[in-house]
Amino acid sequence: NGEELERILMQLIPTLMSPTAPSFI
């Protein structure tokens, strides 16, 4: 569902970017 999609993306995206990227905006 949407809640799981958002949670996974917000965990996944920062790990693919630089370590200093914010975890949620």
mmCIF file of all heavy atoms, coordinates in Angstrom:
data_MODEL
# 
_entry.id   MODEL 
# 
loop_
_atom_site.group_PDB 
_atom_site.id 
_atom_site.type_symbol 
_atom_site.label_atom_id 
_atom_site.label_alt_id 
_atom_site.label_comp_id 
_atom_site.label_asym_id 
_atom_site.label_entity_id 
_atom_site.label_seq_id 
_atom_site.pdbx_PDB_ins_code 
_atom_site.Cartn_x 
_atom_site.Cartn_y 
_atom_site.Cartn_z 
_atom_site.occupancy 
_atom_site.B_iso_or_equiv 
_atom_site.pdbx_formal_charge 
_atom_site.auth_seq_id 
_atom_site.auth_comp_id 
_atom_site.auth_asym_id 
_atom_site.auth_atom_id 
_atom_site.pdbx_PDB_model_num 
ATOM 1   N N   . ASN A 1 1  ? 0.841  -1.194 0.000  1.00 0.00 ? 1  ASN A N   1 
ATOM 2   C CA  . ASN A 1 1  ? 0.000  0.000  0.000  1.00 0.00 ? 1  ASN A CA  1 
ATOM 3   C C   . ASN A 1 1  ? 0.877  1.245  0.000  1.00 0.00 ? 1  ASN A C   1 
ATOM 4   O O   . ASN A 1 1  ? 2.109  1.158  0.024  1.00 0.00 ? 1  ASN A O   1 
ATOM 5   C CB  . ASN A 1 1  ? -0.930 -0.015 1.213  1.00 0.00 ? 1  ASN A CB  1 
ATOM 6   C CG  . ASN A 1 1  ? -0.169 -0.229 2.514  1.00 0.00 ? 1  ASN A CG  1 
ATOM 7   O OD1 . ASN A 1 1  ? 0.859  0.392  2.764  1.00 0.00 ? 1  ASN A OD1 1 
ATOM 8   N ND2 . ASN A 1 1  ? -0.662 -1.123 3.362  1.00 0.00 ? 1  ASN A ND2 1 
ATOM 9   N N   . GLY A 1 2  ? 0.226  2.401  -0.032 1.00 0.00 ? 2  GLY A N   1 
ATOM 10  C CA  . GLY A 1 2  ? 0.958  3.645  -0.104 1.00 0.00 ? 2  GLY A CA  1 
ATOM 11  C C   . GLY A 1 2  ? 1.896  3.879  1.063  1.00 0.00 ? 2  GLY A C   1 
ATOM 12  O O   . GLY A 1 2  ? 2.996  4.406  0.900  1.00 0.00 ? 2  GLY A O   1 
ATOM 13  N N   . GLU A 1 3  ? 1.462  3.484  2.243  1.00 0.00 ? 3  GLU A N   1 
ATOM 14  C CA  . GLU A 1 3  ? 2.303  3.675  3.426  1.00 0.00 ? 3  GLU A CA  1 
ATOM 15  C C   . GLU A 1 3  ? 3.601  2.883  3.317  1.00 0.00 ? 3  GLU A C   1 
ATOM 16  O O   . GLU A 1 3  ? 4.684  3.399  3.624  1.00 0.00 ? 3  GLU A O   1 
ATOM 17  C CB  . GLU A 1 3  ? 1.533  3.253  4.681  1.00 0.00 ? 3  GLU A CB  1 
ATOM 18  C CG  . GLU A 1 3  ? 2.295  3.504  5.972  1.00 0.00 ? 3  GLU A CG  1 
ATOM 19  C CD  . GLU A 1 3  ? 1.482  3.174  7.212  1.00 0.00 ? 3  GLU A CD  1 
ATOM 20  O OE1 . GLU A 1 3  ? 0.319  2.725  7.059  1.00 0.00 ? 3  GLU A OE1 1 
ATOM 21  O OE2 . GLU A 1 3  ? 1.999  3.376  8.317  1.00 0.00 ? 3  GLU A OE2 1 
ATOM 22  N N   . GLU A 1 4  ? 3.519  1.632  2.858  1.00 0.00 ? 4  GLU A N   1 
ATOM 23  C CA  . GLU A 1 4  ? 4.718  0.816  2.690  1.00 0.00 ? 4  GLU A CA  1 
ATOM 24  C C   . GLU A 1 4  ? 5.593  1.352  1.564  1.00 0.00 ? 4  GLU A C   1 
ATOM 25  O O   . GLU A 1 4  ? 6.823  1.356  1.669  1.00 0.00 ? 4  GLU A O   1 
ATOM 26  C CB  . GLU A 1 4  ? 4.340  -0.642 2.417  1.00 0.00 ? 4  GLU A CB  1 
ATOM 27  C CG  . GLU A 1 4  ? 3.756  -1.351 3.622  1.00 0.00 ? 4  GLU A CG  1 
ATOM 28  C CD  . GLU A 1 4  ? 3.498  -2.824 3.358  1.00 0.00 ? 4  GLU A CD  1 
ATOM 29  O OE1 . GLU A 1 4  ? 3.796  -3.304 2.244  1.00 0.00 ? 4  GLU A OE1 1 
ATOM 30  O OE2 . GLU A 1 4  ? 2.989  -3.499 4.271  1.00 0.00 ? 4  GLU A OE2 1 
ATOM 31  N N   . LEU A 1 5  ? 4.976  1.803  0.479  1.00 0.00 ? 5  LEU A N   1 
ATOM 32  C CA  . LEU A 1 5  ? 5.748  2.371  -0.627 1.00 0.00 ? 5  LEU A CA  1 
ATOM 33  C C   . LEU A 1 5  ? 6.554  3.568  -0.145 1.00 0.00 ? 5  LEU A C   1 
ATOM 34  O O   . LEU A 1 5  ? 7.757  3.680  -0.429 1.00 0.00 ? 5  LEU A O   1 
ATOM 35  C CB  . LEU A 1 5  ? 4.810  2.766  -1.764 1.00 0.00 ? 5  LEU A CB  1 
ATOM 36  C CG  . LEU A 1 5  ? 5.445  3.356  -3.030 1.00 0.00 ? 5  LEU A CG  1 
ATOM 37  C CD1 . LEU A 1 5  ? 4.617  2.996  -4.262 1.00 0.00 ? 5  LEU A CD1 1 
ATOM 38  C CD2 . LEU A 1 5  ? 5.582  4.885  -2.940 1.00 0.00 ? 5  LEU A CD2 1 
ATOM 39  N N   . GLU A 1 6  ? 5.928  4.466  0.590  1.00 0.00 ? 6  GLU A N   1 
ATOM 40  C CA  . GLU A 1 6  ? 6.624  5.646  1.087  1.00 0.00 ? 6  GLU A CA  1 
ATOM 41  C C   . GLU A 1 6  ? 7.754  5.261  2.040  1.00 0.00 ? 6  GLU A C   1 
ATOM 42  O O   . GLU A 1 6  ? 8.877  5.781  1.936  1.00 0.00 ? 6  GLU A O   1 
ATOM 43  C CB  . GLU A 1 6  ? 5.647  6.576  1.805  1.00 0.00 ? 6  GLU A CB  1 
ATOM 44  C CG  . GLU A 1 6  ? 6.322  7.830  2.349  1.00 0.00 ? 6  GLU A CG  1 
ATOM 45  C CD  . GLU A 1 6  ? 5.391  8.725  3.141  1.00 0.00 ? 6  GLU A CD  1 
ATOM 46  O OE1 . GLU A 1 6  ? 4.379  8.214  3.689  1.00 0.00 ? 6  GLU A OE1 1 
ATOM 47  O OE2 . GLU A 1 6  ? 5.676  9.935  3.224  1.00 0.00 ? 6  GLU A OE2 1 
ATOM 48  N N   . ARG A 1 7  ? 7.478  4.337  2.947  1.00 0.00 ? 7  ARG A N   1 
ATOM 49  C CA  . ARG A 1 7  ? 8.494  3.948  3.922  1.00 0.00 ? 7  ARG A CA  1 
ATOM 50  C C   . ARG A 1 7  ? 9.715  3.345  3.235  1.00 0.00 ? 7  ARG A C   1 
ATOM 51  O O   . ARG A 1 7  ? 10.860 3.702  3.556  1.00 0.00 ? 7  ARG A O   1 
ATOM 52  C CB  . ARG A 1 7  ? 7.908  2.937  4.915  1.00 0.00 ? 7  ARG A CB  1 
ATOM 53  C CG  . ARG A 1 7  ? 8.937  2.376  5.899  1.00 0.00 ? 7  ARG A CG  1 
ATOM 54  C CD  . ARG A 1 7  ? 8.288  1.457  6.907  1.00 0.00 ? 7  ARG A CD  1 
ATOM 55  N NE  . ARG A 1 7  ? 7.506  0.410  6.284  1.00 0.00 ? 7  ARG A NE  1 
ATOM 56  C CZ  . ARG A 1 7  ? 8.033  -0.698 5.749  1.00 0.00 ? 7  ARG A CZ  1 
ATOM 57  N NH1 . ARG A 1 7  ? 9.353  -0.877 5.751  1.00 0.00 ? 7  ARG A NH1 1 
ATOM 58  N NH2 . ARG A 1 7  ? 7.255  -1.622 5.224  1.00 0.00 ? 7  ARG A NH2 1 
ATOM 59  N N   . ILE A 1 8  ? 9.491  2.466  2.271  1.00 0.00 ? 8  ILE A N   1 
ATOM 60  C CA  . ILE A 1 8  ? 10.612 1.822  1.578  1.00 0.00 ? 8  ILE A CA  1 
ATOM 61  C C   . ILE A 1 8  ? 11.426 2.846  0.799  1.00 0.00 ? 8  ILE A C   1 
ATOM 62  O O   . ILE A 1 8  ? 12.660 2.853  0.852  1.00 0.00 ? 8  ILE A O   1 
ATOM 63  C CB  . ILE A 1 8  ? 10.102 0.700  0.658  1.00 0.00 ? 8  ILE A CB  1 
ATOM 64  C CG1 . ILE A 1 8  ? 9.524  -0.443 1.486  1.00 0.00 ? 8  ILE A CG1 1 
ATOM 65  C CG2 . ILE A 1 8  ? 11.230 0.173  -0.232 1.00 0.00 ? 8  ILE A CG2 1 
ATOM 66  C CD1 . ILE A 1 8  ? 8.759  -1.472 0.667  1.00 0.00 ? 8  ILE A CD1 1 
ATOM 67  N N   . LEU A 1 9  ? 10.741 3.727  0.070  1.00 0.00 ? 9  LEU A N   1 
ATOM 68  C CA  . LEU A 1 9  ? 11.455 4.730  -0.713 1.00 0.00 ? 9  LEU A CA  1 
ATOM 69  C C   . LEU A 1 9  ? 12.268 5.661  0.171  1.00 0.00 ? 9  LEU A C   1 
ATOM 70  O O   . LEU A 1 9  ? 13.421 5.986  -0.147 1.00 0.00 ? 9  LEU A O   1 
ATOM 71  C CB  . LEU A 1 9  ? 10.470 5.545  -1.549 1.00 0.00 ? 9  LEU A CB  1 
ATOM 72  C CG  . LEU A 1 9  ? 10.019 4.964  -2.883 1.00 0.00 ? 9  LEU A CG  1 
ATOM 73  C CD1 . LEU A 1 9  ? 9.088  5.939  -3.596 1.00 0.00 ? 9  LEU A CD1 1 
ATOM 74  C CD2 . LEU A 1 9  ? 11.206 4.623  -3.782 1.00 0.00 ? 9  LEU A CD2 1 
ATOM 75  N N   . MET A 1 10 ? 11.683 6.085  1.287  1.00 0.00 ? 10 MET A N   1 
ATOM 76  C CA  . MET A 1 10 ? 12.383 7.028  2.154  1.00 0.00 ? 10 MET A CA  1 
ATOM 77  C C   . MET A 1 10 ? 13.549 6.389  2.902  1.00 0.00 ? 10 MET A C   1 
ATOM 78  O O   . MET A 1 10 ? 14.429 7.081  3.413  1.00 0.00 ? 10 MET A O   1 
ATOM 79  C CB  . MET A 1 10 ? 11.396 7.665  3.137  1.00 0.00 ? 10 MET A CB  1 
ATOM 80  C CG  . MET A 1 10 ? 10.382 8.595  2.489  1.00 0.00 ? 10 MET A CG  1 
ATOM 81  S SD  . MET A 1 10 ? 11.139 9.939  1.510  1.00 0.00 ? 10 MET A SD  1 
ATOM 82  C CE  . MET A 1 10 ? 10.931 9.288  -0.168 1.00 0.00 ? 10 MET A CE  1 
ATOM 83  N N   . GLN A 1 11 ? 13.559 5.061  2.975  1.00 0.00 ? 11 GLN A N   1 
ATOM 84  C CA  . GLN A 1 11 ? 14.721 4.355  3.514  1.00 0.00 ? 11 GLN A CA  1 
ATOM 85  C C   . GLN A 1 11 ? 15.756 4.086  2.431  1.00 0.00 ? 11 GLN A C   1 
ATOM 86  O O   . GLN A 1 11 ? 16.961 4.150  2.667  1.00 0.00 ? 11 GLN A O   1 
ATOM 87  C CB  . GLN A 1 11 ? 14.280 3.028  4.143  1.00 0.00 ? 11 GLN A CB  1 
ATOM 88  C CG  . GLN A 1 11 ? 13.453 3.181  5.409  1.00 0.00 ? 11 GLN A CG  1 
ATOM 89  C CD  . GLN A 1 11 ? 12.914 1.861  5.920  1.00 0.00 ? 11 GLN A CD  1 
ATOM 90  O OE1 . GLN A 1 11 ? 12.940 0.845  5.215  1.00 0.00 ? 11 GLN A OE1 1 
ATOM 91  N NE2 . GLN A 1 11 ? 12.386 1.865  7.129  1.00 0.00 ? 11 GLN A NE2 1 
ATOM 92  N N   . LEU A 1 12 ? 15.263 3.823  1.225  1.00 0.00 ? 12 LEU A N   1 
ATOM 93  C CA  . LEU A 1 12 ? 16.142 3.399  0.137  1.00 0.00 ? 12 LEU A CA  1 
ATOM 94  C C   . LEU A 1 12 ? 16.876 4.553  -0.522 1.00 0.00 ? 12 LEU A C   1 
ATOM 95  O O   . LEU A 1 12 ? 18.090 4.468  -0.780 1.00 0.00 ? 12 LEU A O   1 
ATOM 96  C CB  . LEU A 1 12 ? 15.314 2.634  -0.907 1.00 0.00 ? 12 LEU A CB  1 
ATOM 97  C CG  . LEU A 1 12 ? 16.054 2.001  -2.091 1.00 0.00 ? 12 LEU A CG  1 
ATOM 98  C CD1 . LEU A 1 12 ? 17.118 1.027  -1.604 1.00 0.00 ? 12 LEU A CD1 1 
ATOM 99  C CD2 . LEU A 1 12 ? 15.048 1.302  -3.001 1.00 0.00 ? 12 LEU A CD2 1 
ATOM 100 N N   . ILE A 1 13 ? 16.171 5.646  -0.803 1.00 0.00 ? 13 ILE A N   1 
ATOM 101 C CA  . ILE A 1 13 ? 16.768 6.749  -1.556 1.00 0.00 ? 13 ILE A CA  1 
ATOM 102 C C   . ILE A 1 13 ? 18.020 7.314  -0.886 1.00 0.00 ? 13 ILE A C   1 
ATOM 103 O O   . ILE A 1 13 ? 19.058 7.470  -1.546 1.00 0.00 ? 13 ILE A O   1 
ATOM 104 C CB  . ILE A 1 13 ? 15.726 7.863  -1.810 1.00 0.00 ? 13 ILE A CB  1 
ATOM 105 C CG1 . ILE A 1 13 ? 14.673 7.366  -2.803 1.00 0.00 ? 13 ILE A CG1 1 
ATOM 106 C CG2 . ILE A 1 13 ? 16.398 9.125  -2.347 1.00 0.00 ? 13 ILE A CG2 1 
ATOM 107 C CD1 . ILE A 1 13 ? 13.479 8.294  -2.952 1.00 0.00 ? 13 ILE A CD1 1 
ATOM 108 N N   . PRO A 1 14 ? 18.006 7.635  0.429  1.00 0.00 ? 14 PRO A N   1 
ATOM 109 C CA  . PRO A 1 14 ? 19.218 8.185  1.046  1.00 0.00 ? 14 PRO A CA  1 
ATOM 110 C C   . PRO A 1 14 ? 20.412 7.233  0.987  1.00 0.00 ? 14 PRO A C   1 
ATOM 111 O O   . PRO A 1 14 ? 21.562 7.690  0.896  1.00 0.00 ? 14 PRO A O   1 
ATOM 112 C CB  . PRO A 1 14 ? 18.785 8.436  2.501  1.00 0.00 ? 14 PRO A CB  1 
ATOM 113 C CG  . PRO A 1 14 ? 17.313 8.617  2.415  1.00 0.00 ? 14 PRO A CG  1 
ATOM 114 C CD  . PRO A 1 14 ? 16.864 7.649  1.360  1.00 0.00 ? 14 PRO A CD  1 
ATOM 115 N N   . THR A 1 15 ? 20.161 5.919  1.021  1.00 0.00 ? 15 THR A N   1 
ATOM 116 C CA  . THR A 1 15 ? 21.283 4.972  0.952  1.00 0.00 ? 15 THR A CA  1 
ATOM 117 C C   . THR A 1 15 ? 21.918 4.950  -0.426 1.00 0.00 ? 15 THR A C   1 
ATOM 118 O O   . THR A 1 15 ? 23.082 4.547  -0.562 1.00 0.00 ? 15 THR A O   1 
ATOM 119 C CB  . THR A 1 15 ? 20.818 3.548  1.310  1.00 0.00 ? 15 THR A CB  1 
ATOM 120 O OG1 . THR A 1 15 ? 19.935 3.053  0.287  1.00 0.00 ? 15 THR A OG1 1 
ATOM 121 C CG2 . THR A 1 15 ? 20.092 3.518  2.642  1.00 0.00 ? 15 THR A CG2 1 
ATOM 122 N N   . LEU A 1 16 ? 21.173 5.358  -1.442 1.00 0.00 ? 16 LEU A N   1 
ATOM 123 C CA  . LEU A 1 16 ? 21.721 5.398  -2.797 1.00 0.00 ? 16 LEU A CA  1 
ATOM 124 C C   . LEU A 1 16 ? 22.396 6.727  -3.102 1.00 0.00 ? 16 LEU A C   1 
ATOM 125 O O   . LEU A 1 16 ? 23.132 6.839  -4.079 1.00 0.00 ? 16 LEU A O   1 
ATOM 126 C CB  . LEU A 1 16 ? 20.606 5.139  -3.821 1.00 0.00 ? 16 LEU A CB  1 
ATOM 127 C CG  . LEU A 1 16 ? 19.887 3.800  -3.696 1.00 0.00 ? 16 LEU A CG  1 
ATOM 128 C CD1 . LEU A 1 16 ? 18.798 3.681  -4.758 1.00 0.00 ? 16 LEU A CD1 1 
ATOM 129 C CD2 . LEU A 1 16 ? 20.863 2.640  -3.803 1.00 0.00 ? 16 LEU A CD2 1 
ATOM 130 N N   . MET A 1 17 ? 22.114 7.724  -2.271 1.00 0.00 ? 17 MET A N   1 
ATOM 131 C CA  . MET A 1 17 ? 22.741 9.030  -2.421 1.00 0.00 ? 17 MET A CA  1 
ATOM 132 C C   . MET A 1 17 ? 23.931 9.126  -1.472 1.00 0.00 ? 17 MET A C   1 
ATOM 133 O O   . MET A 1 17 ? 24.384 8.135  -0.915 1.00 0.00 ? 17 MET A O   1 
ATOM 134 C CB  . MET A 1 17 ? 21.713 10.130 -2.151 1.00 0.00 ? 17 MET A CB  1 
ATOM 135 C CG  . MET A 1 17 ? 20.604 10.196 -3.191 1.00 0.00 ? 17 MET A CG  1 
ATOM 136 S SD  . MET A 1 17 ? 19.424 11.536 -2.847 1.00 0.00 ? 17 MET A SD  1 
ATOM 137 C CE  . MET A 1 17 ? 18.591 11.642 -4.426 1.00 0.00 ? 17 MET A CE  1 
ATOM 138 N N   . SER A 1 18 ? 24.424 10.304 -1.276 1.00 0.00 ? 18 SER A N   1 
ATOM 139 C CA  . SER A 1 18 ? 25.571 10.479 -0.387 1.00 0.00 ? 18 SER A CA  1 
ATOM 140 C C   . SER A 1 18 ? 25.159 10.244 1.057  1.00 0.00 ? 18 SER A C   1 
ATOM 141 O O   . SER A 1 18 ? 24.002 10.439 1.429  1.00 0.00 ? 18 SER A O   1 
ATOM 142 C CB  . SER A 1 18 ? 26.134 11.891 -0.537 1.00 0.00 ? 18 SER A CB  1 
ATOM 143 O OG  . SER A 1 18 ? 25.235 12.837 -0.005 1.00 0.00 ? 18 SER A OG  1 
ATOM 144 N N   . PRO A 1 19 ? 26.082 9.812  1.893  1.00 0.00 ? 19 PRO A N   1 
ATOM 145 C CA  . PRO A 1 19 ? 25.760 9.565  3.309  1.00 0.00 ? 19 PRO A CA  1 
ATOM 146 C C   . PRO A 1 19 ? 25.234 10.795 4.027  1.00 0.00 ? 19 PRO A C   1 
ATOM 147 O O   . PRO A 1 19 ? 24.571 10.678 5.055  1.00 0.00 ? 19 PRO A O   1 
ATOM 148 C CB  . PRO A 1 19 ? 27.104 9.121  3.904  1.00 0.00 ? 19 PRO A CB  1 
ATOM 149 C CG  . PRO A 1 19 ? 27.909 8.645  2.732  1.00 0.00 ? 19 PRO A CG  1 
ATOM 150 C CD  . PRO A 1 19 ? 27.480 9.505  1.581  1.00 0.00 ? 19 PRO A CD  1 
ATOM 151 N N   . THR A 1 20 ? 25.506 11.985 3.498  1.00 0.00 ? 20 THR A N   1 
ATOM 152 C CA  . THR A 1 20 ? 25.068 13.215 4.163  1.00 0.00 ? 20 THR A CA  1 
ATOM 153 C C   . THR A 1 20 ? 23.683 13.654 3.715  1.00 0.00 ? 20 THR A C   1 
ATOM 154 O O   . THR A 1 20 ? 23.159 14.656 4.212  1.00 0.00 ? 20 THR A O   1 
ATOM 155 C CB  . THR A 1 20 ? 26.054 14.360 3.874  1.00 0.00 ? 20 THR A CB  1 
ATOM 156 O OG1 . THR A 1 20 ? 26.139 14.555 2.444  1.00 0.00 ? 20 THR A OG1 1 
ATOM 157 C CG2 . THR A 1 20 ? 27.433 14.017 4.426  1.00 0.00 ? 20 THR A CG2 1 
ATOM 158 N N   . ALA A 1 21 ? 23.065 12.905 2.767  1.00 0.00 ? 21 ALA A N   1 
ATOM 159 C CA  . ALA A 1 21 ? 21.734 13.299 2.297  1.00 0.00 ? 21 ALA A CA  1 
ATOM 160 C C   . ALA A 1 21 ? 20.728 13.151 3.418  1.00 0.00 ? 21 ALA A C   1 
ATOM 161 O O   . ALA A 1 21 ? 20.791 12.221 4.215  1.00 0.00 ? 21 ALA A O   1 
ATOM 162 C CB  . ALA A 1 21 ? 21.323 12.422 1.117  1.00 0.00 ? 21 ALA A CB  1 
ATOM 163 N N   . PRO A 1 22 ? 19.765 14.050 3.533  1.00 0.00 ? 22 PRO A N   1 
ATOM 164 C CA  . PRO A 1 22 ? 18.739 13.932 4.587  1.00 0.00 ? 22 PRO A CA  1 
ATOM 165 C C   . PRO A 1 22 ? 17.896 12.690 4.369  1.00 0.00 ? 22 PRO A C   1 
ATOM 166 O O   . PRO A 1 22 ? 17.647 12.274 3.246  1.00 0.00 ? 22 PRO A O   1 
ATOM 167 C CB  . PRO A 1 22 ? 17.902 15.203 4.403  1.00 0.00 ? 22 PRO A CB  1 
ATOM 168 C CG  . PRO A 1 22 ? 18.145 15.621 2.989  1.00 0.00 ? 22 PRO A CG  1 
ATOM 169 C CD  . PRO A 1 22 ? 19.561 15.224 2.692  1.00 0.00 ? 22 PRO A CD  1 
ATOM 170 N N   . SER A 1 23 ? 17.457 12.076 5.462  1.00 0.00 ? 23 SER A N   1 
ATOM 171 C CA  . SER A 1 23 ? 16.715 10.815 5.368  1.00 0.00 ? 23 SER A CA  1 
ATOM 172 C C   . SER A 1 23 ? 15.264 11.035 4.995  1.00 0.00 ? 23 SER A C   1 
ATOM 173 O O   . SER A 1 23 ? 14.607 10.140 4.496  1.00 0.00 ? 23 SER A O   1 
ATOM 174 C CB  . SER A 1 23 ? 16.785 10.079 6.710  1.00 0.00 ? 23 SER A CB  1 
ATOM 175 O OG  . SER A 1 23 ? 16.231 10.874 7.744  1.00 0.00 ? 23 SER A OG  1 
ATOM 176 N N   . PHE A 1 24 ? 14.729 12.234 5.217  1.00 0.00 ? 24 PHE A N   1 
ATOM 177 C CA  . PHE A 1 24 ? 13.326 12.476 4.869  1.00 0.00 ? 24 PHE A CA  1 
ATOM 178 C C   . PHE A 1 24 ? 13.082 13.970 4.714  1.00 0.00 ? 24 PHE A C   1 
ATOM 179 O O   . PHE A 1 24 ? 13.455 14.757 5.555  1.00 0.00 ? 24 PHE A O   1 
ATOM 180 C CB  . PHE A 1 24 ? 12.398 11.938 5.955  1.00 0.00 ? 24 PHE A CB  1 
ATOM 181 C CG  . PHE A 1 24 ? 10.939 12.076 5.594  1.00 0.00 ? 24 PHE A CG  1 
ATOM 182 C CD1 . PHE A 1 24 ? 10.308 11.089 4.860  1.00 0.00 ? 24 PHE A CD1 1 
ATOM 183 C CD2 . PHE A 1 24 ? 10.222 13.195 5.965  1.00 0.00 ? 24 PHE A CD2 1 
ATOM 184 C CE1 . PHE A 1 24 ? 8.967  11.216 4.525  1.00 0.00 ? 24 PHE A CE1 1 
ATOM 185 C CE2 . PHE A 1 24 ? 8.889  13.329 5.627  1.00 0.00 ? 24 PHE A CE2 1 
ATOM 186 C CZ  . PHE A 1 24 ? 8.256  12.340 4.910  1.00 0.00 ? 24 PHE A CZ  1 
ATOM 187 N N   . ILE A 1 25 ? 12.464 14.319 3.597  1.00 0.00 ? 25 ILE A N   1 
ATOM 188 C CA  . ILE A 1 25 ? 12.052 15.698 3.368  1.00 0.00 ? 25 ILE A CA  1 
ATOM 189 C C   . ILE A 1 25 ? 10.653 15.666 2.796  1.00 0.00 ? 25 ILE A C   1 
ATOM 190 O O   . ILE A 1 25 ? 10.353 14.860 1.936  1.00 0.00 ? 25 ILE A O   1 
ATOM 191 C CB  . ILE A 1 25 ? 12.993 16.422 2.371  1.00 0.00 ? 25 ILE A CB  1 
ATOM 192 C CG1 . ILE A 1 25 ? 14.417 16.500 2.926  1.00 0.00 ? 25 ILE A CG1 1 
ATOM 193 C CG2 . ILE A 1 25 ? 12.471 17.809 2.031  1.00 0.00 ? 25 ILE A CG2 1 
ATOM 194 C CD1 . ILE A 1 25 ? 15.403 17.148 1.976  1.00 0.00 ? 25 ILE A CD1 1 
# 
